[in-house]
Protein backbone atom coordinates (compact mmCIF):
# COMPACT_ATOMS: atom_id res chain seq x y z
CA MET A 1 -0.12 -0.01 0.02
CA SER A 2 1.32 3.97 -0.97
CA PHE A 3 -0.83 5.47 1.26
CA CYS A 4 1.81 7.48 3.69
CA GLY A 5 -0.43 10.72 4.88
CA TYR A 6 -3.12 13.31 4.54
CA ARG A 7 -2.83 17.12 3.05
CA CYS A 8 -5.32 19.67 3.95
CA SER A 9 -6.86 20.72 0.52
CA SER A 10 -7.12 24.32 2.36
CA CYS A 11 -4.40 25.14 4.32
CA GLY A 12 -1.75 22.86 2.86
CA ALA A 13 -0.98 21.37 6.65
CA GLU A 14 0.37 17.36 6.52
CA TYR A 15 -0.44 14.70 8.81
CA GLY A 16 0.83 11.53 9.11
CA PRO A 17 -1.53 7.97 8.10
CA GLU A 18 -2.78 7.28 11.61
CA GLU A 19 -3.72 10.83 12.68
CA PRO A 20 -6.93 12.58 11.55
CA LEU A 21 -9.88 10.52 10.73
CA TYR A 22 -11.97 12.92 8.94
CA LEU A 23 -11.31 16.94 8.38
CA CYS A 24 -8.02 18.92 9.24
CA PRO A 25 -7.45 19.81 12.84
CA ALA A 26 -6.20 23.20 11.83
CA ASP A 27 -9.07 24.80 9.79
CA GLY A 28 -11.57 21.88 9.29
CA GLY A 29 -10.39 21.96 5.57
CA CYS A 30 -10.81 18.59 3.27
CA LEU A 31 -8.22 16.22 3.57
CA ASP A 32 -6.31 14.59 0.45
CA VAL A 33 -4.79 11.34 0.96
CA VAL A 34 -1.16 11.22 0.16
CA LEU A 35 0.34 8.79 -2.09
CA ASP A 36 4.27 7.75 -2.19
CA HIS A 37 4.36 8.57 -6.19
CA LEU A 38 7.93 7.41 -6.17
CA GLN A 39 7.46 4.13 -4.59
CA ILE A 40 4.56 3.41 -6.92
CA ARG A 41 6.68 4.26 -10.07
CA ARG A 42 9.35 1.89 -8.92
CA ARG A 43 7.32 -1.02 -8.17
CA VAL A 44 4.48 -0.49 -10.89
CA GLN A 45 4.60 -0.06 -14.63
CA ARG A 46 1.65 1.97 -16.20
CA LYS A 47 0.70 -0.74 -18.85
CA ASP A 48 0.21 -2.97 -15.43
CA LEU A 49 -2.79 -0.87 -14.50
CA LEU A 50 -4.10 -1.15 -18.19
CA TRP A 51 -5.46 -4.94 -17.85
CA GLY A 52 -6.50 -7.15 -15.43
CA GLU A 53 -8.94 -7.68 -12.96
CA PRO A 54 -12.22 -6.16 -14.40
CA SER A 55 -13.13 -3.67 -11.22
CA GLN A 56 -11.92 -0.71 -9.70
CA TRP A 57 -9.63 -3.07 -7.37
CA ARG A 58 -7.12 -3.37 -10.47
CA PHE A 59 -5.71 0.11 -9.43
CA LEU A 60 -5.07 -1.28 -6.01
CA PRO A 61 -1.44 0.22 -6.04
CA LEU A 62 -3.05 3.71 -6.33
CA LEU A 63 -5.36 3.12 -3.93
CA PRO A 64 -5.12 3.65 0.22
CA VAL A 65 -5.90 0.82 1.55
CA ASP A 66 -4.55 -2.97 0.88
CA ASP A 67 -6.72 -5.70 -0.86
CA PRO A 68 -10.05 -6.43 0.57
CA GLY A 69 -10.21 -9.92 -0.46
CA GLY A 70 -13.91 -10.88 -0.56
CA GLU A 71 -13.41 -12.21 -4.30
CA GLU A 72 -16.51 -12.38 -6.54
CA THR A 73 -18.86 -10.37 -4.00
CA PRO A 74 -20.54 -7.43 -4.85
CA LEU A 75 -17.89 -5.26 -3.24
CA ARG A 76 -15.28 -6.87 -5.13
CA VAL A 77 -16.71 -6.49 -8.68
CA VAL A 78 -17.37 -2.82 -7.84
CA GLY A 79 -16.23 -0.53 -11.26
CA HIS A 80 -15.04 -1.60 -14.68
CA THR A 81 -18.10 0.45 -15.87
CA PRO A 82 -19.19 0.59 -19.61
CA THR A 83 -18.21 3.56 -21.66
CA TYR A 84 -20.20 3.93 -24.66
CA ARG A 85 -20.57 6.19 -27.72
CA LEU A 86 -23.70 8.03 -28.52
CA PRO A 87 -23.63 8.73 -31.72
CA VAL A 88 -27.44 9.76 -31.86
CA LEU A 89 -26.69 12.42 -29.44
CA GLU A 90 -23.45 13.24 -31.85
CA ARG A 91 -25.94 14.34 -34.77
CA GLY A 92 -27.72 15.87 -32.51
CA LEU A 93 -25.62 18.33 -31.06
CA GLY A 94 -23.27 18.60 -33.91
CA CYS A 95 -20.42 17.16 -31.94
CA GLU A 96 -17.69 14.63 -33.57
CA GLN A 97 -17.38 12.27 -30.27
CA VAL A 98 -19.55 12.06 -27.41
CA TRP A 99 -19.13 9.32 -25.15
CA LEU A 100 -21.29 8.22 -21.63
CA LYS A 101 -19.28 6.31 -19.11
CA ASP A 102 -22.77 4.44 -17.39
CA GLU A 103 -22.18 4.15 -13.51
CA GLY A 104 -25.59 2.64 -13.62
CA ALA A 105 -23.69 -0.68 -14.08
CA ASN A 106 -22.37 -0.67 -10.97
CA PRO A 107 -23.82 -3.24 -8.11
CA THR A 108 -26.29 -0.73 -6.36
CA ALA A 109 -26.78 1.06 -9.90
CA SER A 110 -24.43 4.30 -8.91
CA LEU A 111 -20.95 5.84 -8.90
CA LYS A 112 -21.25 6.02 -5.32
CA ASP A 113 -20.43 2.01 -5.16
CA ARG A 114 -17.02 3.13 -5.51
CA ALA A 115 -16.64 5.07 -2.39
CA SER A 116 -18.62 2.68 -0.35
CA ALA A 117 -16.49 -0.22 -1.35
CA LEU A 118 -13.27 1.86 -0.28
CA VAL A 119 -14.68 3.24 2.95
CA VAL A 120 -16.19 -0.41 3.98
CA ALA A 121 -12.54 -1.90 3.24
CA ARG A 122 -11.00 1.07 5.11
CA ALA A 123 -13.34 0.52 7.99
CA ARG A 124 -12.56 -3.56 8.08
CA GLU A 125 -9.02 -2.50 8.46
CA ILE A 126 -9.29 -0.04 11.00
CA GLY A 127 -11.81 -2.42 13.23
CA ALA A 128 -14.63 -0.32 12.84
CA ARG A 129 -17.73 -1.84 14.44
CA VAL A 130 -20.56 -0.09 12.69
CA VAL A 131 -20.35 2.42 9.12
CA VAL A 132 -22.93 5.33 9.55
CA THR A 133 -23.73 7.84 7.01
CA ALA A 134 -26.29 10.32 5.50
CA SER A 135 -27.29 10.30 2.37
CA THR A 136 -30.37 11.27 0.08
CA GLY A 137 -30.25 8.03 -1.58
CA ASN A 138 -27.39 6.73 -3.71
CA ALA A 139 -24.78 6.82 -0.82
CA GLY A 140 -26.89 4.87 1.56
CA ALA A 141 -27.82 2.22 -0.93
CA ALA A 142 -24.21 1.73 -2.19
CA LEU A 143 -22.85 1.86 1.69
CA ALA A 144 -25.87 -0.97 2.28
CA GLY A 145 -24.76 -3.35 -0.49
CA MET A 146 -20.92 -3.04 0.30
CA ALA A 147 -21.71 -3.42 3.89
CA ALA A 148 -23.75 -6.30 3.14
CA ALA A 149 -21.59 -7.76 0.91
CA VAL A 150 -18.82 -8.71 3.79
CA GLN A 151 -21.38 -8.87 6.83
CA GLN A 152 -20.47 -4.96 8.20
CA PRO A 153 -23.35 -3.37 10.31
CA ALA A 154 -24.56 -0.24 8.81
CA VAL A 155 -26.55 2.58 9.86
CA VAL A 156 -28.01 5.48 7.30
CA PHE A 157 -30.04 8.66 8.01
CA ALA A 158 -32.02 9.76 5.06
CA PRO A 159 -34.09 12.74 4.37
CA ARG A 160 -37.75 11.60 4.85
CA SER A 161 -38.20 12.54 1.27
CA ALA A 162 -35.84 10.57 -0.40
CA PRO A 163 -36.91 8.39 -3.19
CA PRO A 164 -38.55 5.26 -2.02
CA ALA A 165 -36.60 3.27 -4.85
CA LYS A 166 -33.68 4.19 -2.79
CA VAL A 167 -35.10 3.80 0.60
CA ALA A 168 -36.13 0.47 -0.25
CA GLN A 169 -32.74 -0.56 -1.77
CA MET A 170 -31.08 -0.07 1.76
CA LEU A 171 -33.70 -1.79 3.76
CA VAL A 172 -33.26 -5.00 1.38
CA PHE A 173 -29.25 -4.71 1.71
CA GLY A 174 -30.32 -5.06 5.59
CA ALA A 175 -28.83 -1.12 6.70
CA ARG A 176 -30.36 0.17 9.64
CA VAL A 177 -32.25 3.33 8.24
CA ILE A 178 -33.51 6.20 10.01
CA LEU A 179 -35.58 8.92 7.95
CA VAL A 180 -34.91 12.49 9.45
CA GLU A 181 -37.22 14.93 9.51
CA GLY A 182 -35.27 17.75 7.71
CA SER A 183 -32.79 18.00 4.55
CA TYR A 184 -29.56 16.24 3.72
CA ASP A 185 -27.64 18.85 5.36
CA GLU A 186 -29.38 18.21 8.90
CA ALA A 187 -28.97 14.25 8.40
CA ALA A 188 -25.32 14.59 7.90
CA VAL A 189 -25.19 16.88 11.04
CA LEU A 190 -26.68 14.18 12.90
CA SER A 191 -24.46 11.16 11.04
CA ARG A 192 -21.45 13.12 12.23
CA GLN A 193 -22.87 13.91 15.91
CA SER A 194 -23.67 10.33 15.92
CA SER A 195 -20.18 9.13 14.68
CA GLU A 196 -18.58 11.13 17.53
CA GLU A 197 -20.85 9.98 20.56
CA LEU A 198 -20.83 6.10 19.51
CA GLY A 199 -17.67 5.57 17.92
CA TRP A 200 -19.17 4.62 14.64
CA TYR A 201 -16.93 5.11 11.37
CA CYS A 202 -18.38 7.88 9.25
CA ARG A 203 -18.69 7.63 5.52
CA ASN A 204 -20.22 11.06 4.77
CA THR A 205 -18.71 12.47 1.99
CA GLY A 206 -16.28 15.62 2.12
CA TYR A 207 -15.70 14.21 5.22
CA ASN A 208 -14.36 10.83 4.90
CA PRO A 209 -11.25 11.33 2.86
CA PHE A 210 -11.42 7.72 1.65
CA THR A 211 -14.52 8.48 -0.20
CA ALA A 212 -13.09 10.72 -3.06
CA GLU A 213 -10.22 8.15 -3.10
CA GLY A 214 -13.11 5.55 -4.21
CA LYS A 215 -14.20 8.13 -6.83
CA LYS A 216 -11.08 8.72 -8.50
CA SER A 217 -11.12 5.31 -9.76
CA ALA A 218 -13.73 6.48 -12.27
CA ALA A 219 -10.70 8.90 -13.53
CA PHE A 220 -8.18 5.99 -13.85
CA GLU A 221 -10.89 3.89 -15.93
CA ILE A 222 -11.15 7.33 -18.25
CA TRP A 223 -7.46 7.13 -18.47
CA SER A 224 -7.09 3.60 -19.36
CA ALA A 225 -9.88 4.11 -22.23
CA LEU A 226 -7.89 7.21 -23.64
CA GLU A 227 -4.76 4.95 -23.32
CA LYS A 228 -6.20 2.31 -24.99
CA GLY A 229 -7.57 4.34 -28.13
CA LYS A 230 -11.09 4.05 -27.25
CA ILE A 231 -11.43 7.69 -26.88
CA ARG A 232 -9.50 9.45 -29.10
CA THR A 233 -8.45 13.14 -28.35
CA HIS A 234 -5.92 15.66 -29.80
CA HIS A 235 -3.25 17.39 -27.99
CA SER A 236 -4.80 20.97 -28.66
CA ARG A 237 -8.38 19.47 -27.62
CA PRO A 238 -8.12 17.44 -24.17
CA LEU A 239 -11.33 15.59 -22.95
CA SER A 240 -14.14 17.55 -21.61
CA ILE A 241 -15.83 15.44 -18.93
CA PHE A 242 -19.11 16.72 -17.49
CA VAL A 243 -20.28 15.57 -14.18
CA SER A 244 -23.18 16.73 -12.27
CA VAL A 245 -22.53 18.25 -8.38
CA GLY A 246 -23.80 18.33 -5.37
CA ASP A 247 -21.46 18.03 -2.75
CA GLY A 248 -18.61 18.08 -4.66
CA ASN A 249 -16.88 14.65 -3.72
CA ILE A 250 -17.52 13.04 -7.32
CA ILE A 251 -16.08 15.95 -9.29
CA ALA A 252 -12.92 16.38 -6.66
CA GLY A 253 -12.59 12.69 -6.73
CA LEU A 254 -11.83 12.72 -10.47
CA HIS A 255 -9.91 15.80 -10.15
CA LYS A 256 -7.51 13.64 -7.51
CA GLY A 257 -7.46 10.73 -9.76
CA PHE A 258 -6.40 12.79 -12.84
CA ARG A 259 -3.73 14.71 -10.42
CA ASP A 260 -2.28 11.31 -9.01
CA LEU A 261 -1.82 10.17 -12.76
CA GLU A 262 -0.25 13.52 -13.74
CA ALA A 263 2.29 13.34 -10.51
CA LEU A 264 3.15 9.73 -11.95
CA GLY A 265 3.95 11.16 -15.36
CA TRP A 266 1.25 8.76 -16.86
CA LEU A 267 -1.11 11.29 -18.12
CA GLU A 268 -0.63 12.91 -21.40
CA ALA A 269 -3.04 16.06 -20.82
CA MET A 270 -5.29 16.92 -18.24
CA PRO A 271 -8.97 16.62 -18.99
CA ARG A 272 -11.18 19.87 -18.56
CA LEU A 273 -13.92 18.92 -15.80
CA TYR A 274 -17.38 20.55 -16.46
CA GLY A 275 -19.36 20.91 -13.10
CA VAL A 276 -23.11 20.79 -13.81
CA GLN A 277 -25.45 21.48 -10.92
CA ALA A 278 -29.25 22.27 -10.91
CA GLU A 279 -30.08 26.24 -10.84
CA GLY A 280 -31.93 25.08 -7.46
CA SER A 281 -28.72 23.61 -5.66
CA ALA A 282 -26.02 25.91 -7.42
CA ALA A 283 -23.71 26.88 -4.61
CA VAL A 284 -20.53 25.96 -5.99
CA ALA A 285 -21.70 27.38 -9.62
CA ARG A 286 -22.31 30.62 -7.88
CA ALA A 287 -19.17 31.14 -6.52
CA PHE A 288 -17.12 30.23 -9.59
CA ARG A 289 -19.47 33.03 -11.55
CA ALA A 290 -18.51 35.43 -8.82
CA GLY A 291 -14.56 34.23 -8.78
CA SER A 292 -14.91 33.90 -5.05
CA SER A 293 -13.13 31.15 -3.12
CA THR A 294 -16.38 31.65 -0.67
CA ILE A 295 -19.11 28.92 -1.17
CA GLU A 296 -22.36 30.41 0.39
CA PRO A 297 -24.69 27.94 1.10
CA VAL A 298 -28.33 27.84 -0.41
CA GLN A 299 -31.78 26.25 0.21
CA ALA A 300 -31.62 23.70 -2.30
CA ARG A 301 -34.83 22.86 -4.22
CA THR A 302 -34.53 20.51 -7.30
CA LEU A 303 -36.16 17.24 -8.23
CA ALA A 304 -32.42 16.00 -8.56
CA ASP A 305 -32.32 14.62 -4.86
CA SER A 306 -28.56 13.13 -5.90
CA ILE A 307 -27.12 16.74 -6.26
CA SER A 308 -30.01 18.46 -3.79
CA VAL A 309 -27.32 20.12 -1.22
CA ASP A 310 -27.44 23.18 0.72
CA ARG A 311 -23.91 23.50 1.77
CA PRO A 312 -21.66 21.34 -0.16
CA ALA A 313 -19.24 19.54 2.25
CA ASP A 314 -16.62 19.18 -0.77
CA GLY A 315 -17.53 22.49 -2.44
CA HIS A 316 -13.80 23.90 -2.19
CA ARG A 317 -12.21 20.94 -3.77
CA ALA A 318 -15.20 20.76 -6.42
CA LEU A 319 -14.72 24.61 -7.04
CA GLN A 320 -10.82 24.00 -7.61
CA ALA A 321 -11.37 20.80 -9.75
CA ALA A 322 -13.07 23.19 -12.55
CA ILE A 323 -10.63 26.12 -12.04
CA ALA A 324 -7.84 23.98 -12.42
CA THR A 325 -8.63 21.94 -15.45
CA GLY A 326 -9.87 24.90 -17.23
CA GLY A 327 -13.48 24.03 -16.96
CA VAL A 328 -16.52 25.48 -16.17
CA TYR A 329 -19.63 25.12 -14.01
CA LEU A 330 -22.94 25.33 -15.62
CA THR A 331 -26.66 25.54 -14.20
CA VAL A 332 -29.60 23.85 -15.76
CA SER A 333 -33.07 23.63 -14.63
CA ASP A 334 -35.12 20.94 -13.63
CA ARG A 335 -37.10 21.45 -17.26
CA GLN A 336 -33.55 20.46 -18.92
CA ILE A 337 -32.69 18.01 -16.64
CA LEU A 338 -36.22 15.94 -17.72
CA GLU A 339 -35.64 16.72 -21.20
CA ALA A 340 -32.05 15.30 -20.83
CA ILE A 341 -33.74 12.30 -19.43
CA ALA A 342 -35.62 11.85 -22.62
CA ALA A 343 -32.79 12.65 -24.53
CA LEU A 344 -30.37 9.96 -23.20
CA GLY A 345 -33.45 7.74 -23.32
CA ALA A 346 -33.66 8.26 -27.47
CA ALA A 347 -29.90 7.02 -27.03
CA GLY A 348 -30.30 3.87 -24.86
CA VAL A 349 -29.30 5.11 -21.65
CA PHE A 350 -31.64 5.26 -18.70
CA ALA A 351 -30.40 7.94 -16.46
CA GLU A 352 -31.83 9.42 -13.19
CA PRO A 353 -32.31 13.04 -12.82
CA ALA A 354 -28.42 13.86 -11.43
CA ALA A 355 -26.84 11.59 -13.83
CA ALA A 356 -29.12 13.47 -16.85
CA ALA A 357 -28.37 16.73 -15.16
CA ALA A 358 -24.57 16.25 -16.98
CA TYR A 359 -25.85 15.80 -20.18
CA ALA A 360 -27.91 18.74 -19.83
CA GLY A 361 -24.74 20.67 -19.26
CA VAL A 362 -23.26 19.44 -22.34
CA VAL A 363 -26.50 21.09 -24.04
CA GLU A 364 -25.88 24.37 -22.06
CA ALA A 365 -22.23 24.33 -22.63
CA LEU A 366 -22.55 24.42 -26.56
CA ARG A 367 -25.36 26.89 -26.13
CA GLN A 368 -22.88 29.25 -24.23
CA GLY A 369 -20.05 28.52 -26.41
CA SER A 370 -17.57 27.09 -23.45
CA LEU A 371 -17.48 23.88 -25.30
CA HIS A 372 -16.99 23.50 -29.31
CA ALA A 373 -18.25 20.96 -31.72
CA GLY A 374 -14.50 19.59 -32.21
CA ASP A 375 -14.00 18.73 -28.23
CA PRO A 376 -14.00 15.32 -27.52
CA VAL A 377 -16.85 14.84 -24.77
CA LEU A 378 -17.67 12.42 -21.71
CA ILE A 379 -20.32 12.43 -19.96
CA LEU A 380 -20.51 10.76 -16.53
CA SER A 381 -23.80 8.90 -15.94
CA THR A 382 -23.95 8.54 -12.25
CA GLY A 383 -27.05 6.43 -11.45
CA SER A 384 -29.23 4.50 -13.11
CA GLY A 385 -32.84 5.62 -14.11
CA LEU A 386 -34.52 2.92 -12.25
CA LYS A 387 -33.29 4.95 -8.94
CA ASP A 388 -36.00 7.60 -9.42
CA VAL A 389 -38.43 6.21 -11.71
CA ALA A 390 -41.34 8.82 -10.89
CA ALA A 391 -39.13 11.62 -12.61
CA ALA A 392 -38.64 9.57 -15.39
CA GLN A 393 -42.41 8.98 -15.81
CA SER A 394 -42.90 12.70 -15.40
CA CYS A 395 -40.81 13.31 -18.80
CA VAL A 396 -42.72 10.83 -20.79
CA ALA A 397 -46.58 10.46 -22.11
CA GLU A 398 -48.58 7.95 -20.92
CA PRO A 399 -49.03 4.75 -23.21
CA PRO A 400 -52.32 4.08 -24.92
CA VAL A 401 -54.54 1.24 -23.67
CA ILE A 402 -56.40 -0.83 -25.94
CA GLU A 403 -58.58 -3.95 -26.25
CA PRO A 404 -56.14 -7.01 -27.38
CA THR A 405 -57.70 -6.98 -30.91
CA VAL A 406 -55.67 -5.97 -34.07
CA SER A 407 -58.44 -3.81 -35.23
CA ALA A 408 -58.25 -2.01 -32.15
CA LEU A 409 -54.05 -1.64 -33.05
CA LYS A 410 -55.24 -0.60 -36.46
CA ARG A 411 -57.63 2.00 -35.07
CA LEU A 412 -54.90 3.36 -32.79
CA ILE A 413 -52.17 3.20 -35.53
CA GLY A 414 -54.59 4.95 -38.11
CA ALA A 415 -55.25 7.51 -35.31
């Protein structure tokens, strides 16, 4: 294992691997996990990571945990999600290359499995009795599923408004689910307090530094596709990656993954990271537009529950991810998100609202001129549409009902 400590993303303070569990003791900033890149270069060649185990554990030399074991369990098969080319959308957008990485193919149908698998592996290493998290749905379902795979007790606090399908997932996986009369942010505070009072290990994104380390494995898989020539770019047109942003941990994790590859000398060109937020939950985008490093909280209101956040816990790193890579923050309306669900569906992809927001961001970036038709594009689709069927139903027409006869069918077709 190449894990050698932590560095505060805000003040730069450094700590050993056994010191803080969560945030920087000096200023409360999010901690970056520090890897020994020199040791990695001595032990590993880049080609070693391009082939092998079809999961995120193929990149174990770049992850801050030991091999978690559990071969062929759901925890072991997280990652290695498919990347599709979408010619239907290319024609509609007038773009030369549009790719989509479908994180709905993970065991619990969202990208959050990557973080939960790593946190559960870390919990077992440190002997944690219980793992707890706050979640609007996907992170809780992911924790519940990964914990169930290795019989790790898990507790999830979710807002009472969380989509029923996501709550059902958590319960089926056997987690102890507690619904909170309040927002995600209030559930997050309660989960941290319970962690402190009861000694539980807290998974919360933007709080536990290992969550971003799990999510960065998606960056490694994108890099692998670039290295193998599946996604083609030009030095003057690096890959533009669109990702929806709520608490900011996914885009921060992607940036961390690409920075690790850059430090190893294995990344040819840093991709541009575009953050997409719902208009009703746009704290990071507002700071970006204002040219400010201060992220003011909002009162989040959006149908995309996975990115509905008042105070982004990983907002600072999320903001820097776009700035440092030459990317942009965009906002899209709930109407645009619903239109994006339908557009992706017409191309064969079923995405939940937060995932579809990333595609809506592509449309908006082209409209604004921050993306050009010749730029190769990758949409990170963070979760399956089965996570929120009600949202999908709201963007399509009700199917007709007919008698089971050919004559009735002909009347319908004629009409």
